[in-house]
């Protein structure tokens, strides 16, 4: 959950996400939270939420962010528990 929330607040351009993920992996981060970070970071960055908010409004933006975070956390958990 912390990795997904970090991916929401921290903005990294697409080409920087992979080296950052590699650094996290080398520092000892488990692959489940790392997968969660990689899934959530591009879709729910703060800048993305601001743009989406202007297009679809605050209520739908909140739903979008909650669903993205939730599914990212669940997918990272399942990846870490069952596929690694």
Protein backbone atom coordinates (compact mmCIF):
# COMPACT_ATOMS: atom_id res chain seq x y z
CA UNK A 1 0.00 0.00 0.00
CA UNK A 2 2.86 2.37 0.77
CA UNK A 3 4.44 1.74 -2.63
CA UNK A 4 1.16 2.49 -4.39
CA UNK A 5 0.70 5.69 -2.40
CA UNK A 6 4.28 6.69 -3.18
CA UNK A 7 3.54 6.15 -6.87
CA UNK A 8 0.57 8.49 -6.53
CA UNK A 9 2.46 11.36 -4.97
CA UNK A 10 5.80 11.04 -6.74
CA UNK A 11 5.81 11.89 -10.42
CA UNK A 12 8.33 10.12 -12.61
CA UNK A 13 8.27 10.32 -16.40
CA UNK A 14 7.66 6.99 -18.12
CA UNK A 15 11.29 6.39 -19.03
CA UNK A 16 12.43 7.00 -15.44
CA UNK A 17 10.07 4.50 -13.78
CA UNK A 18 12.09 1.45 -14.80
CA UNK A 19 15.46 2.68 -13.43
CA UNK A 20 13.72 3.79 -10.22
CA UNK A 21 12.08 0.36 -9.94
CA UNK A 22 15.44 -1.32 -10.53
CA UNK A 23 16.97 0.82 -7.78
CA UNK A 24 14.17 -0.17 -5.38
CA UNK A 25 14.71 -3.84 -6.27
CA UNK A 26 18.46 -3.56 -5.68
CA UNK A 27 17.78 -1.92 -2.31
CA UNK A 28 15.82 -5.01 -1.27
CA UNK A 29 12.21 -4.11 -2.04
CA UNK A 30 9.98 -7.15 -2.49
CA UNK A 31 8.60 -7.64 -5.98
CA UNK A 32 4.93 -7.44 -4.87
CA UNK A 33 5.03 -3.82 -3.68
CA UNK A 34 7.28 -3.00 -6.61
CA UNK A 35 4.66 -4.33 -9.02
CA UNK A 36 2.04 -2.25 -7.22
CA UNK A 37 4.21 0.85 -7.65
CA UNK A 38 4.75 0.16 -11.35
CA UNK A 39 1.02 -0.32 -11.96
CA UNK A 40 -0.16 2.73 -10.04
CA UNK A 41 2.54 5.30 -10.85
CA UNK A 42 1.66 6.08 -14.49
CA UNK A 43 -2.10 6.20 -14.01
CA UNK A 44 -2.53 7.99 -10.72
CA UNK A 45 0.20 10.58 -10.42
CA UNK A 46 -0.83 13.90 -8.95
CA UNK A 47 -0.46 15.62 -12.31
CA UNK A 48 -2.65 13.02 -14.00
CA UNK A 49 -5.33 13.45 -11.36
CA UNK A 50 -5.34 17.22 -11.86
CA UNK A 51 -5.84 16.84 -15.61
CA UNK A 52 -8.48 14.12 -15.22
CA UNK A 53 -10.29 16.33 -12.69
CA UNK A 54 -10.70 19.09 -15.26
CA UNK A 55 -12.13 16.61 -17.77
CA UNK A 56 -14.49 14.42 -15.72
CA UNK A 57 -14.98 16.36 -12.48
CA UNK A 58 -13.94 15.81 -8.87
CA UNK A 59 -16.33 12.99 -7.94
CA UNK A 60 -15.36 10.75 -10.84
CA UNK A 61 -11.70 11.63 -10.38
CA UNK A 62 -11.88 10.46 -6.77
CA UNK A 63 -13.53 7.21 -7.87
CA UNK A 64 -10.86 6.77 -10.56
CA UNK A 65 -8.05 7.28 -8.04
CA UNK A 66 -9.59 4.95 -5.45
CA UNK A 67 -10.14 2.18 -8.00
CA UNK A 68 -6.65 2.53 -9.47
CA UNK A 69 -5.05 2.44 -6.02
CA UNK A 70 -7.22 -0.46 -4.91
CA UNK A 71 -6.61 -2.58 -7.98
CA UNK A 72 -2.90 -1.72 -7.94
CA UNK A 73 -2.58 -2.80 -4.31
CA UNK A 74 -4.55 -6.01 -4.90
CA UNK A 75 -2.54 -6.86 -8.03
CA UNK A 76 0.76 -6.21 -6.26
CA UNK A 77 -0.32 -8.34 -3.31
CA UNK A 78 -1.41 -11.21 -5.53
CA UNK A 79 1.77 -10.98 -7.59
CA UNK A 80 3.93 -11.03 -4.47
CA UNK A 81 2.04 -13.87 -2.80
CA UNK A 82 1.30 -16.23 -5.66
CA UNK A 83 3.51 -15.53 -8.66
CA UNK A 84 6.92 -14.96 -7.10
